[in-house]
Amino acid sequence: MAHKIIISPAAYFDQYEAYEWYEKQLAGLGEEPLKELEFAYNKIAEHPEYIGFIDARKELRDYLLPRFPFLIVYRVVANTVQIITLHHAKKNPSKKYGGSIL
Protein backbone atom coordinates (compact mmCIF):
# COMPACT_ATOMS: atom_id res chain seq x y z
CA MET A 1 0.00 0.00 0.00
CA ALA A 2 1.38 3.39 -0.98
CA HIS A 3 1.88 6.03 1.67
CA LYS A 4 0.18 9.39 1.35
CA ILE A 5 2.58 12.18 0.27
CA ILE A 6 2.38 15.60 1.93
CA ILE A 7 4.62 18.29 0.43
CA SER A 8 5.57 21.20 2.69
CA PRO A 9 5.18 24.78 1.46
CA ALA A 10 8.99 25.09 1.48
CA ALA A 11 9.32 22.06 -0.82
CA TYR A 12 6.66 23.48 -3.18
CA PHE A 13 8.63 26.71 -3.34
CA ASP A 14 11.83 24.77 -4.05
CA GLN A 15 10.07 22.93 -6.90
CA TYR A 16 8.86 26.22 -8.34
CA GLU A 17 12.37 27.70 -8.19
CA ALA A 18 13.81 24.65 -9.96
CA TYR A 19 11.14 24.85 -12.64
CA GLU A 20 11.76 28.56 -13.19
CA TRP A 21 15.55 28.15 -13.38
CA TYR A 22 15.38 25.34 -15.95
CA GLU A 23 12.75 27.20 -17.99
CA LYS A 24 15.10 30.19 -18.21
CA GLN A 25 17.80 27.90 -19.56
CA LEU A 26 15.58 26.41 -22.27
CA ALA A 27 11.85 26.73 -22.84
CA GLY A 28 10.14 23.46 -21.88
CA LEU A 29 13.09 22.15 -19.86
CA GLY A 30 11.39 23.11 -16.58
CA GLU A 31 8.96 20.23 -17.03
CA GLU A 32 11.75 17.63 -16.88
CA PRO A 33 12.69 18.00 -13.18
CA LEU A 34 8.98 18.13 -12.31
CA LYS A 35 8.42 14.81 -14.10
CA GLU A 36 11.39 13.32 -12.29
CA LEU A 37 10.11 14.62 -8.96
CA GLU A 38 6.70 13.06 -9.59
CA PHE A 39 8.34 9.72 -10.39
CA ALA A 40 10.49 10.00 -7.24
CA TYR A 41 7.50 10.89 -5.03
CA ASN A 42 5.65 7.82 -6.31
CA LYS A 43 8.68 5.62 -5.71
CA ILE A 44 9.11 7.01 -2.18
CA ALA A 45 5.39 6.58 -1.47
CA GLU A 46 5.59 2.90 -2.42
CA HIS A 47 8.71 2.07 -0.38
CA PRO A 48 9.84 4.96 1.86
CA GLU A 49 11.83 2.59 4.09
CA TYR A 50 14.22 1.63 1.26
CA ILE A 51 16.19 4.83 1.84
CA GLY A 52 18.52 5.00 4.85
CA PHE A 53 18.37 7.56 7.62
CA ILE A 54 20.47 10.71 7.46
CA ASP A 55 20.17 11.88 11.05
CA ALA A 56 21.05 10.51 14.48
CA ARG A 57 17.39 10.39 15.59
CA LYS A 58 16.58 8.08 12.66
CA GLU A 59 13.80 10.34 11.49
CA LEU A 60 14.93 11.92 8.20
CA ARG A 61 15.76 10.29 4.89
CA ASP A 62 16.86 11.73 1.56
CA TYR A 63 16.49 10.63 -2.03
CA LEU A 64 18.79 11.94 -4.78
CA LEU A 65 17.19 12.45 -8.16
CA PRO A 66 19.06 10.57 -10.88
CA ARG A 67 19.16 13.30 -13.57
CA PHE A 68 18.97 16.53 -11.61
CA PRO A 69 21.05 17.66 -8.60
CA PHE A 70 18.24 17.63 -6.05
CA LEU A 71 17.76 15.76 -2.79
CA ILE A 72 14.25 15.12 -1.52
CA VAL A 73 14.41 15.24 2.28
CA TYR A 74 11.49 13.49 3.94
CA ARG A 75 10.23 11.70 7.03
CA VAL A 76 7.67 8.94 7.49
CA VAL A 77 4.91 9.38 10.05
CA ALA A 78 2.45 6.47 10.24
CA ASN A 79 1.20 6.00 6.65
CA THR A 80 2.28 9.45 5.52
CA VAL A 81 5.47 10.66 3.86
CA GLN A 82 6.18 14.29 4.70
CA ILE A 83 8.35 15.97 2.06
CA ILE A 84 10.26 18.56 4.05
CA THR A 85 12.47 20.16 1.45
CA LEU A 86 13.89 19.82 -2.00
CA HIS A 87 17.57 20.67 -1.66
CA HIS A 88 19.85 21.58 -4.54
CA ALA A 89 22.75 19.20 -3.94
CA LYS A 90 25.36 21.66 -5.22
CA LYS A 91 24.25 24.78 -3.31
CA ASN A 92 24.33 25.84 0.36
CA PRO A 93 25.27 22.57 2.10
CA SER A 94 24.50 24.16 5.49
CA LYS A 95 20.82 24.52 4.43
CA LYS A 96 20.51 20.91 3.31
CA TYR A 97 17.84 20.02 5.86
CA GLY A 98 15.98 23.28 5.99
CA GLY A 99 17.79 24.71 9.01
CA SER A 100 15.87 23.97 12.18
CA ILE A 101 14.52 20.46 11.53
CA LEU A 102 17.56 18.58 12.87
PDB file of N, CA and C in Angstrom:
ATOM      1  N   MET A   1       0.836  -1.184   0.000  1.00  0.00           N
ATOM      2  CA  MET A   1       0.000   0.000   0.000  1.00  0.00           C
ATOM      3  C   MET A   1       0.882   1.250   0.000  1.00  0.00           C
ATOM      4  N   ALA A   2       0.596   2.162  -0.880  1.00  0.00           N
ATOM      5  CA  ALA A   2       1.382   3.389  -0.976  1.00  0.00           C
ATOM      6  C   ALA A   2       1.039   4.337   0.176  1.00  0.00           C
ATOM      7  N   HIS A   3       2.059   5.014   0.643  1.00  0.00           N
ATOM      8  CA  HIS A   3       1.876   6.026   1.674  1.00  0.00           C
ATOM      9  C   HIS A   3       1.336   7.305   1.026  1.00  0.00           C
ATOM     10  N   LYS A   4       0.646   8.087   1.806  1.00  0.00           N
ATOM     11  CA  LYS A   4       0.176   9.391   1.352  1.00  0.00           C
ATOM     12  C   LYS A   4       1.367  10.347   1.372  1.00  0.00           C
ATOM     13  N   ILE A   5       1.497  11.194   0.347  1.00  0.00           N
ATOM     14  CA  ILE A   5       2.576  12.183   0.274  1.00  0.00           C
ATOM     15  C   ILE A   5       2.018  13.554   0.652  1.00  0.00           C
ATOM     16  N   ILE A   6       2.700  14.221   1.577  1.00  0.00           N
ATOM     17  CA  ILE A   6       2.377  15.605   1.927  1.00  0.00           C
ATOM     18  C   ILE A   6       3.625  16.435   1.655  1.00  0.00           C
ATOM     19  N   ILE A   7       3.481  17.448   0.817  1.00  0.00           N
ATOM     20  CA  ILE A   7       4.618  18.288   0.433  1.00  0.00           C
ATOM     21  C   ILE A   7       4.514  19.611   1.179  1.00  0.00           C
ATOM     22  N   SER A   8       5.568  19.955   1.912  1.00  0.00           N
ATOM     23  CA  SER A   8       5.570  21.200   2.689  1.00  0.00           C
ATOM     24  C   SER A   8       5.571  22.412   1.755  1.00  0.00           C
ATOM     25  N   PRO A   9       5.119  23.557   2.264  1.00  0.00           N
ATOM     26  CA  PRO A   9       5.183  24.782   1.457  1.00  0.00           C
ATOM     27  C   PRO A   9       6.614  25.095   1.000  1.00  0.00           C
ATOM     28  N   ALA A  10       7.597  24.834   1.851  1.00  0.00           N
ATOM     29  CA  ALA A  10       8.995  25.091   1.477  1.00  0.00           C
ATOM     30  C   ALA A  10       9.405  24.221   0.291  1.00  0.00           C
ATOM     31  N   ALA A  11       8.987  22.958   0.281  1.00  0.00           N
ATOM     32  CA  ALA A  11       9.324  22.059  -0.824  1.00  0.00           C
ATOM     33  C   ALA A  11       8.610  22.489  -2.108  1.00  0.00           C
ATOM     34  N   TYR A  12       7.351  22.948  -1.999  1.00  0.00           N
ATOM     35  CA  TYR A  12       6.657  23.478  -3.182  1.00  0.00           C
ATOM     36  C   TYR A  12       7.416  24.662  -3.761  1.00  0.00           C
ATOM     37  N   PHE A  13       7.867  25.553  -2.883  1.00  0.00           N
ATOM     38  CA  PHE A  13       8.627  26.712  -3.339  1.00  0.00           C
ATOM     39  C   PHE A  13       9.919  26.277  -4.027  1.00  0.00           C
ATOM     40  N   ASP A  14      10.604  25.290  -3.456  1.00  0.00           N
ATOM     41  CA  ASP A  14      11.830  24.772  -4.053  1.00  0.00           C
ATOM     42  C   ASP A  14      11.559  24.191  -5.445  1.00  0.00           C
ATOM     43  N   GLN A  15      10.455  23.477  -5.595  1.00  0.00           N
ATOM     44  CA  GLN A  15      10.072  22.929  -6.901  1.00  0.00           C
ATOM     45  C   GLN A  15       9.853  24.053  -7.904  1.00  0.00           C
ATOM     46  N   TYR A  16       9.147  25.079  -7.466  1.00  0.00           N
ATOM     47  CA  TYR A  16       8.864  26.218  -8.337  1.00  0.00           C
ATOM     48  C   TYR A  16      10.163  26.894  -8.776  1.00  0.00           C
ATOM     49  N   GLU A  17      11.082  27.093  -7.844  1.00  0.00           N
ATOM     50  CA  GLU A  17      12.370  27.703  -8.187  1.00  0.00           C
ATOM     51  C   GLU A  17      13.135  26.857  -9.199  1.00  0.00           C
ATOM     52  N   ALA A  18      13.131  25.547  -9.013  1.00  0.00           N
ATOM     53  CA  ALA A  18      13.809  24.645  -9.957  1.00  0.00           C
ATOM     54  C   ALA A  18      13.168  24.755 -11.335  1.00  0.00           C
ATOM     55  N   TYR A  19      11.853  24.727 -11.370  1.00  0.00           N
ATOM     56  CA  TYR A  19      11.138  24.854 -12.640  1.00  0.00           C
ATOM     57  C   TYR A  19      11.517  26.153 -13.347  1.00  0.00           C
ATOM     58  N   GLU A  20      11.449  27.249 -12.612  1.00  0.00           N
ATOM     59  CA  GLU A  20      11.762  28.561 -13.192  1.00  0.00           C
ATOM     60  C   GLU A  20      13.194  28.618 -13.717  1.00  0.00           C
ATOM     61  N   TRP A  21      14.146  28.092 -12.966  1.00  0.00           N
ATOM     62  CA  TRP A  21      15.550  28.148 -13.382  1.00  0.00           C
ATOM     63  C   TRP A  21      15.758  27.367 -14.677  1.00  0.00           C
ATOM     64  N   TYR A  22      15.211  26.149 -14.745  1.00  0.00           N
ATOM     65  CA  TYR A  22      15.383  25.338 -15.950  1.00  0.00           C
ATOM     66  C   TYR A  22      14.623  25.921 -17.139  1.00  0.00           C
ATOM     67  N   GLU A  23      13.491  26.542 -16.908  1.00  0.00           N
ATOM     68  CA  GLU A  23      12.753  27.200 -17.992  1.00  0.00           C
ATOM     69  C   GLU A  23      13.549  28.367 -18.575  1.00  0.00           C
ATOM     70  N   LYS A  24      14.267  29.075 -17.720  1.00  0.00           N
ATOM     71  CA  LYS A  24      15.096  30.190 -18.215  1.00  0.00           C
ATOM     72  C   LYS A  24      16.252  29.677 -19.066  1.00  0.00           C
ATOM     73  N   GLN A  25      16.705  28.464 -18.780  1.00  0.00           N
ATOM     74  CA  GLN A  25      17.803  27.899 -19.557  1.00  0.00           C
ATOM     75  C   GLN A  25      17.326  27.489 -20.951  1.00  0.00           C
ATOM     76  N   LEU A  26      16.138  26.885 -21.005  1.00  0.00           N
ATOM     77  CA  LEU A  26      15.583  26.405 -22.269  1.00  0.00           C
ATOM     78  C   LEU A  26      14.082  26.204 -22.092  1.00  0.00           C
ATOM     79  N   ALA A  27      13.308  26.843 -22.934  1.00  0.00           N
ATOM     80  CA  ALA A  27      11.848  26.729 -22.839  1.00  0.00           C
ATOM     81  C   ALA A  27      11.435  25.255 -22.898  1.00  0.00           C
ATOM     82  N   GLY A  28      10.611  24.836 -21.946  1.00  0.00           N
ATOM     83  CA  GLY A  28      10.140  23.461 -21.875  1.00  0.00           C
ATOM     84  C   GLY A  28      10.974  22.567 -20.976  1.00  0.00           C
ATOM     85  N   LEU A  29      12.211  22.974 -20.687  1.00  0.00           N
ATOM     86  CA  LEU A  29      13.088  22.153 -19.859  1.00  0.00           C
ATOM     87  C   LEU A  29      12.614  22.092 -18.404  1.00  0.00           C
ATOM     88  N   GLY A  30      11.889  23.087 -17.951  1.00  0.00           N
ATOM     89  CA  GLY A  30      11.395  23.110 -16.576  1.00  0.00           C
ATOM     90  C   GLY A  30      10.487  21.945 -16.246  1.00  0.00           C
ATOM     91  N   GLU A  31       9.847  21.375 -17.253  1.00  0.00           N
ATOM     92  CA  GLU A  31       8.957  20.228 -17.035  1.00  0.00           C
ATOM     93  C   GLU A  31       9.735  18.969 -16.655  1.00  0.00           C
ATOM     94  N   GLU A  32      10.973  18.861 -17.105  1.00  0.00           N
ATOM     95  CA  GLU A  32      11.753  17.635 -16.875  1.00  0.00           C
ATOM     96  C   GLU A  32      12.010  17.349 -15.387  1.00  0.00           C
ATOM     97  N   PRO A  33      12.513  18.316 -14.604  1.00  0.00           N
ATOM     98  CA  PRO A  33      12.689  17.998 -13.182  1.00  0.00           C
ATOM     99  C   PRO A  33      11.356  17.739 -12.471  1.00  0.00           C
ATOM    100  N   LEU A  34      10.284  18.390 -12.921  1.00  0.00           N
ATOM    101  CA  LEU A  34       8.978  18.135 -12.307  1.00  0.00           C
ATOM    102  C   LEU A  34       8.522  16.703 -12.561  1.00  0.00           C
ATOM    103  N   LYS A  35       8.754  16.207 -13.786  1.00  0.00           N
ATOM    104  CA  LYS A  35       8.416  14.812 -14.095  1.00  0.00           C
ATOM    105  C   LYS A  35       9.243  13.854 -13.242  1.00  0.00           C
ATOM    106  N   GLU A  36      10.527  14.176 -13.097  1.00  0.00           N
ATOM    107  CA  GLU A  36      11.392  13.316 -12.293  1.00  0.00           C
ATOM    108  C   GLU A  36      10.987  13.352 -10.822  1.00  0.00           C
ATOM    109  N   LEU A  37      10.587  14.521 -10.339  1.00  0.00           N
ATOM    110  CA  LEU A  37      10.105  14.619  -8.959  1.00  0.00           C
ATOM    111  C   LEU A  37       8.845  13.785  -8.760  1.00  0.00           C
ATOM    112  N   GLU A  38       7.933  13.848  -9.698  1.00  0.00           N
ATOM    113  CA  GLU A  38       6.699  13.061  -9.588  1.00  0.00           C
ATOM    114  C   GLU A  38       7.021  11.568  -9.541  1.00  0.00           C
ATOM    115  N   PHE A  39       7.923  11.124 -10.400  1.00  0.00           N
ATOM    116  CA  PHE A  39       8.343   9.724 -10.391  1.00  0.00           C
ATOM    117  C   PHE A  39       8.957   9.366  -9.033  1.00  0.00           C
ATOM    118  N   ALA A  40       9.830  10.247  -8.522  1.00  0.00           N
ATOM    119  CA  ALA A  40      10.494   9.997  -7.238  1.00  0.00           C
ATOM    120  C   ALA A  40       9.482   9.966  -6.094  1.00  0.00           C
ATOM    121  N   TYR A  41       8.517  10.888  -6.086  1.00  0.00           N
ATOM    122  CA  TYR A  41       7.501  10.893  -5.031  1.00  0.00           C
ATOM    123  C   TYR A  41       6.714   9.577  -5.036  1.00  0.00           C
ATOM    124  N   ASN A  42       6.372   9.097  -6.215  1.00  0.00           N
ATOM    125  CA  ASN A  42       5.646   7.822  -6.313  1.00  0.00           C
ATOM    126  C   ASN A  42       6.499   6.666  -5.808  1.00  0.00           C
ATOM    127  N   LYS A  43       7.763   6.672  -6.162  1.00  0.00           N
ATOM    128  CA  LYS A  43       8.678   5.621  -5.707  1.00  0.00           C
ATOM    129  C   LYS A  43       8.829   5.656  -4.181  1.00  0.00           C
ATOM    130  N   ILE A  44       8.995   6.854  -3.630  1.00  0.00           N
ATOM    131  CA  ILE A  44       9.107   7.011  -2.177  1.00  0.00           C
ATOM    132  C   ILE A  44       7.816   6.571  -1.497  1.00  0.00           C
ATOM    133  N   ALA A  45       6.678   6.939  -2.067  1.00  0.00           N
ATOM    134  CA  ALA A  45       5.386   6.579  -1.475  1.00  0.00           C
ATOM    135  C   ALA A  45       5.211   5.062  -1.401  1.00  0.00           C
ATOM    136  N   GLU A  46       5.705   4.353  -2.397  1.00  0.00           N
ATOM    137  CA  GLU A  46       5.588   2.896  -2.424  1.00  0.00           C
ATOM    138  C   GLU A  46       6.497   2.221  -1.388  1.00  0.00           C
ATOM    139  N   HIS A  47       7.733   2.720  -1.264  1.00  0.00           N
ATOM    140  CA  HIS A  47       8.709   2.074  -0.377  1.00  0.00           C
ATOM    141  C   HIS A  47       9.591   3.115   0.317  1.00  0.00           C
ATOM    142  N   PRO A  48       9.037   3.919   1.223  1.00  0.00           N
ATOM    143  CA  PRO A  48       9.842   4.963   1.864  1.00  0.00           C
ATOM    144  C   PRO A  48      10.974   4.415   2.731  1.00  0.00           C
ATOM    145  N   GLU A  49      10.830   3.184   3.192  1.00  0.00           N
ATOM    146  CA  GLU A  49      11.827   2.594   4.092  1.00  0.00           C
ATOM    147  C   GLU A  49      13.067   2.102   3.346  1.00  0.00           C
ATOM    148  N   TYR A  50      13.059   2.089   2.032  1.00  0.00           N
ATOM    149  CA  TYR A  50      14.218   1.628   1.263  1.00  0.00           C
ATOM    150  C   TYR A  50      15.396   2.594   1.349  1.00  0.00           C
ATOM    151  N   ILE A  51      15.144   3.811   1.737  1.00  0.00           N
ATOM    152  CA  ILE A  51      16.185   4.829   1.839  1.00  0.00           C
ATOM    153  C   ILE A  51      16.647   4.897   3.295  1.00  0.00           C
ATOM    154  N   GLY A  52      17.958   4.963   3.501  1.00  0.00           N
ATOM    155  CA  GLY A  52      18.516   5.004   4.850  1.00  0.00           C
ATOM    156  C   GLY A  52      18.317   6.350   5.532  1.00  0.00           C
ATOM    157  N   PHE A  53      18.500   6.332   6.827  1.00  0.00           N
ATOM    158  CA  PHE A  53      18.366   7.557   7.624  1.00  0.00           C
ATOM    159  C   PHE A  53      19.590   8.441   7.445  1.00  0.00           C
ATOM    160  N   ILE A  54      19.373   9.747   7.599  1.00  0.00           N
ATOM    161  CA  ILE A  54      20.467  10.714   7.460  1.00  0.00           C
ATOM    162  C   ILE A  54      20.713  11.499   8.739  1.00  0.00           C
ATOM    163  N   ASP A  55      19.991  11.164   9.794  1.00  0.00           N
ATOM    164  CA  ASP A  55      20.168  11.883  11.051  1.00  0.00           C
ATOM    165  C   ASP A  55      20.285  10.887  12.208  1.00  0.00           C
ATOM    166  N   ALA A  56      20.814  11.361  13.308  1.00  0.00           N
ATOM    167  CA  ALA A  56      21.049  10.508  14.481  1.00  0.00           C
ATOM    168  C   ALA A  56      19.745  10.012  15.111  1.00  0.00           C
ATOM    169  N   ARG A  57      18.679  10.785  15.000  1.00  0.00           N
ATOM    170  CA  ARG A  57      17.394  10.385  15.590  1.00  0.00           C
ATOM    171  C   ARG A  57      16.646   9.353  14.757  1.00  0.00           C
ATOM    172  N   LYS A  58      17.199   9.037  13.581  1.00  0.00           N
ATOM    173  CA  LYS A  58      16.576   8.081  12.655  1.00  0.00           C
ATOM    174  C   LYS A  58      15.166   8.519  12.300  1.00  0.00           C
ATOM    175  N   GLU A  59      15.076   9.753  11.865  1.00  0.00           N
ATOM    176  CA  GLU A  59      13.797  10.342  11.494  1.00  0.00           C
ATOM    177  C   GLU A  59      13.776  10.768  10.029  1.00  0.00           C
ATOM    178  N   LEU A  60      14.881  11.345   9.548  1.00  0.00           N
ATOM    179  CA  LEU A  60      14.926  11.916   8.204  1.00  0.00           C
ATOM    180  C   LEU A  60      15.632  10.992   7.221  1.00  0.00           C
ATOM    181  N   ARG A  61      15.161  11.052   5.985  1.00  0.00           N
ATOM    182  CA  ARG A  61      15.764  10.295   4.887  1.00  0.00           C
ATOM    183  C   ARG A  61      15.897  11.251   3.702  1.00  0.00           C
ATOM    184  N   ASP A  62      16.800  10.918   2.773  1.00  0.00           N
ATOM    185  CA  ASP A  62      16.858  11.732   1.558  1.00  0.00           C
ATOM    186  C   ASP A  62      17.019  10.856   0.330  1.00  0.00           C
ATOM    187  N   TYR A  63      16.486  11.353  -0.767  1.00  0.00           N
ATOM    188  CA  TYR A  63      16.490  10.633  -2.033  1.00  0.00           C
ATOM    189  C   TYR A  63      17.081  11.563  -3.080  1.00  0.00           C
ATOM    190  N   LEU A  64      18.147  11.136  -3.741  1.00  0.00           N
ATOM    191  CA  LEU A  64      18.794  11.936  -4.777  1.00  0.00           C
ATOM    192  C   LEU A  64      18.176  11.618  -6.126  1.00  0.00           C
ATOM    193  N   LEU A  65      17.726  12.656  -6.818  1.00  0.00           N
ATOM    194  CA  LEU A  65      17.186  12.451  -8.159  1.00  0.00           C
ATOM    195  C   LEU A  65      18.302  12.001  -9.096  1.00  0.00           C
ATOM    196  N   PRO A  66      18.017  11.079  -9.993  1.00  0.00           N
ATOM    197  CA  PRO A  66      19.060  10.568 -10.884  1.00  0.00           C
ATOM    198  C   PRO A  66      19.600  11.591 -11.884  1.00  0.00           C
ATOM    199  N   ARG A  67      18.732  12.393 -12.495  1.00  0.00           N
ATOM    200  CA  ARG A  67      19.165  13.298 -13.568  1.00  0.00           C
ATOM    201  C   ARG A  67      19.437  14.722 -13.126  1.00  0.00           C
ATOM    202  N   PHE A  68      18.847  15.141 -12.048  1.00  0.00           N
ATOM    203  CA  PHE A  68      18.968  16.529 -11.606  1.00  0.00           C
ATOM    204  C   PHE A  68      19.570  16.557 -10.207  1.00  0.00           C
ATOM    205  N   PRO A  69      20.316  17.627  -9.879  1.00  0.00           N
ATOM    206  CA  PRO A  69      21.048  17.660  -8.600  1.00  0.00           C
ATOM    207  C   PRO A  69      20.183  18.069  -7.405  1.00  0.00           C
ATOM    208  N   PHE A  70      19.133  17.301  -7.149  1.00  0.00           N
ATOM    209  CA  PHE A  70      18.238  17.627  -6.049  1.00  0.00           C
ATOM    210  C   PHE A  70      18.073  16.438  -5.114  1.00  0.00           C
ATOM    211  N   LEU A  71      18.060  16.746  -3.831  1.00  0.00           N
ATOM    212  CA  LEU A  71      17.763  15.758  -2.789  1.00  0.00           C
ATOM    213  C   LEU A  71      16.364  16.039  -2.256  1.00  0.00           C
ATOM    214  N   ILE A  72      15.559  15.005  -2.165  1.00  0.00           N
ATOM    215  CA  ILE A  72      14.253  15.117  -1.522  1.00  0.00           C
ATOM    216  C   ILE A  72      14.464  14.669  -0.078  1.00  0.00           C
ATOM    217  N   VAL A  73      14.267  15.575   0.856  1.00  0.00           N
ATOM    218  CA  VAL A  73      14.410  15.243   2.275  1.00  0.00           C
ATOM    219  C   VAL A  73      13.006  15.012   2.825  1.00  0.00           C
ATOM    220  N   TYR A  74      12.817  13.837   3.454  1.00  0.00           N
ATOM    221  CA  TYR A  74      11.487  13.487   3.936  1.00  0.00           C
ATOM    222  C   TYR A  74      11.554  12.680   5.235  1.00  0.00           C
ATOM    223  N   ARG A  75      10.383  12.562   5.859  1.00  0.00           N
ATOM    224  CA  ARG A  75      10.228  11.699   7.028  1.00  0.00           C
ATOM    225  C   ARG A  75       8.923  10.920   6.870  1.00  0.00           C
ATOM    226  N   VAL A  76       8.863   9.781   7.531  1.00  0.00           N
ATOM    227  CA  VAL A  76       7.669   8.945   7.489  1.00  0.00           C
ATOM    228  C   VAL A  76       6.996   9.015   8.845  1.00  0.00           C
ATOM    229  N   VAL A  77       5.712   9.341   8.837  1.00  0.00           N
ATOM    230  CA  VAL A  77       4.910   9.385  10.051  1.00  0.00           C
ATOM    231  C   VAL A  77       3.654   8.563   9.777  1.00  0.00           C
ATOM    232  N   ALA A  78       3.555   7.424  10.463  1.00  0.00           N
ATOM    233  CA  ALA A  78       2.452   6.473  10.244  1.00  0.00           C
ATOM    234  C   ALA A  78       2.427   6.084   8.761  1.00  0.00           C
ATOM    235  N   ASN A  79       1.321   6.334   8.076  1.00  0.00           N
ATOM    236  CA  ASN A  79       1.200   5.996   6.652  1.00  0.00           C
ATOM    237  C   ASN A  79       1.369   7.219   5.750  1.00  0.00           C
ATOM    238  N   THR A  80       2.089   8.207   6.254  1.00  0.00           N
ATOM    239  CA  THR A  80       2.282   9.451   5.522  1.00  0.00           C
ATOM    240  C   THR A  80       3.763   9.730   5.334  1.00  0.00           C
ATOM    241  N   VAL A  81       4.109  10.188   4.140  1.00  0.00           N
ATOM    242  CA  VAL A  81       5.468  10.662   3.864  1.00  0.00           C
ATOM    243  C   VAL A  81       5.393  12.180   3.793  1.00  0.00           C
ATOM    244  N   GLN A  82       6.145  12.822   4.664  1.00  0.00           N
ATOM    245  CA  GLN A  82       6.177  14.288   4.699  1.00  0.00           C
ATOM    246  C   GLN A  82       7.430  14.746   3.957  1.00  0.00           C
ATOM    247  N   ILE A  83       7.237  15.400   2.814  1.00  0.00           N
ATOM    248  CA  ILE A  83       8.348  15.970   2.060  1.00  0.00           C
ATOM    249  C   ILE A  83       8.685  17.300   2.715  1.00  0.00           C
ATOM    250  N   ILE A  84       9.878  17.385   3.284  1.00  0.00           N
ATOM    251  CA  ILE A  84      10.264  18.559   4.047  1.00  0.00           C
ATOM    252  C   ILE A  84      10.874  19.630   3.157  1.00  0.00           C
ATOM    253  N   THR A  85      11.813  19.205   2.324  1.00  0.00           N
ATOM    254  CA  THR A  85      12.472  20.165   1.451  1.00  0.00           C
ATOM    255  C   THR A  85      13.001  19.470   0.217  1.00  0.00           C
ATOM    256  N   LEU A  86      13.221  20.259  -0.794  1.00  0.00           N
ATOM    257  CA  LEU A  86      13.895  19.817  -2.002  1.00  0.00           C
ATOM    258  C   LEU A  86      15.176  20.631  -2.039  1.00  0.00           C
ATOM    259  N   HIS A  87      16.291  19.972  -1.799  1.00  0.00           N
ATOM    260  CA  HIS A  87      17.565  20.674  -1.656  1.00  0.00           C
ATOM    261  C   HIS A  87      18.415  20.517  -2.903  1.00  0.00           C
ATOM    262  N   HIS A  88      18.912  21.638  -3.414  1.00  0.00           N
ATOM    263  CA  HIS A  88      19.846  21.581  -4.535  1.00  0.00           C
ATOM    264  C   HIS A  88      21.160  21.043  -3.991  1.00  0.00           C
ATOM    265  N   ALA A  89      21.607  19.911  -4.496  1.00  0.00           N
ATOM    266  CA  ALA A  89      22.754  19.205  -3.940  1.00  0.00           C
ATOM    267  C   ALA A  89      24.081  19.929  -4.127  1.00  0.00           C
ATOM    268  N   LYS A  90      24.101  20.959  -4.960  1.00  0.00           N
ATOM    269  CA  LYS A  90      25.356  21.663  -5.217  1.00  0.00           C
ATOM    270  C   LYS A  90      25.364  23.084  -4.652  1.00  0.00           C
ATOM    271  N   LYS A  91      24.334  23.440  -3.885  1.00  0.00           N
ATOM    272  CA  LYS A  91      24.249  24.777  -3.306  1.00  0.00           C
ATOM    273  C   LYS A  91      24.044  24.693  -1.796  1.00  0.00           C
ATOM    274  N   ASN A  92      24.591  25.641  -1.076  1.00  0.00           N
ATOM    275  CA  ASN A  92      24.329  25.839   0.356  1.00  0.00           C
ATOM    276  C   ASN A  92      24.227  24.553   1.175  1.00  0.00           C
ATOM    277  N   PRO A  93      25.331  23.819   1.331  1.00  0.00           N
ATOM    278  CA  PRO A  93      25.268  22.572   2.096  1.00  0.00           C
ATOM    279  C   PRO A  93      24.739  22.763   3.522  1.00  0.00           C
ATOM    280  N   SER A  94      24.947  23.933   4.106  1.00  0.00           N
ATOM    281  CA  SER A  94      24.498  24.157   5.487  1.00  0.00           C
ATOM    282  C   SER A  94      22.960  24.234   5.562  1.00  0.00           C
ATOM    283  N   LYS A  95      22.275  24.447   4.439  1.00  0.00           N
ATOM    284  CA  LYS A  95      20.819  24.521   4.430  1.00  0.00           C
ATOM    285  C   LYS A  95      20.180  23.233   3.924  1.00  0.00           C
ATOM    286  N   LYS A  96      20.961  22.170   3.885  1.00  0.00           N
ATOM    287  CA  LYS A  96      20.505  20.913   3.312  1.00  0.00           C
ATOM    288  C   LYS A  96      19.203  20.416   3.913  1.00  0.00           C
ATOM    289  N   TYR A  97      19.038  20.555   5.203  1.00  0.00           N
ATOM    290  CA  TYR A  97      17.843  20.015   5.855  1.00  0.00           C
ATOM    291  C   TYR A  97      16.878  21.092   6.307  1.00  0.00           C
ATOM    292  N   GLY A  98      16.930  22.241   5.691  1.00  0.00           N
ATOM    293  CA  GLY A  98      15.979  23.276   5.995  1.00  0.00           C
ATOM    294  C   GLY A  98      16.236  24.029   7.283  1.00  0.00           C
ATOM    295  N   GLY A  99      17.436  23.939   7.823  1.00  0.00           N
ATOM    296  CA  GLY A  99      17.787  24.711   9.005  1.00  0.00           C
ATOM    297  C   GLY A  99      17.418  24.059  10.307  1.00  0.00           C
ATOM    298  N   SER A 100      16.210  24.319  10.803  1.00  0.00           N
ATOM    299  CA  SER A 100      15.866  23.969  12.178  1.00  0.00           C
ATOM    300  C   SER A 100      15.247  22.583  12.356  1.00  0.00           C
ATOM    301  N   ILE A 101      15.220  21.737  11.355  1.00  0.00           N
ATOM    302  CA  ILE A 101      14.521  20.456  11.528  1.00  0.00           C
ATOM    303  C   ILE A 101      15.391  19.392  12.165  1.00  0.00           C
ATOM    304  N   LEU A 102      16.689  19.598  12.262  1.00  0.00           N
ATOM    305  CA  LEU A 102      17.557  18.578  12.868  1.00  0.00           C
ATOM    306  C   LEU A 102      17.646  18.765  14.363  1.00  0.00           C
TER     307      LEU A 102
END
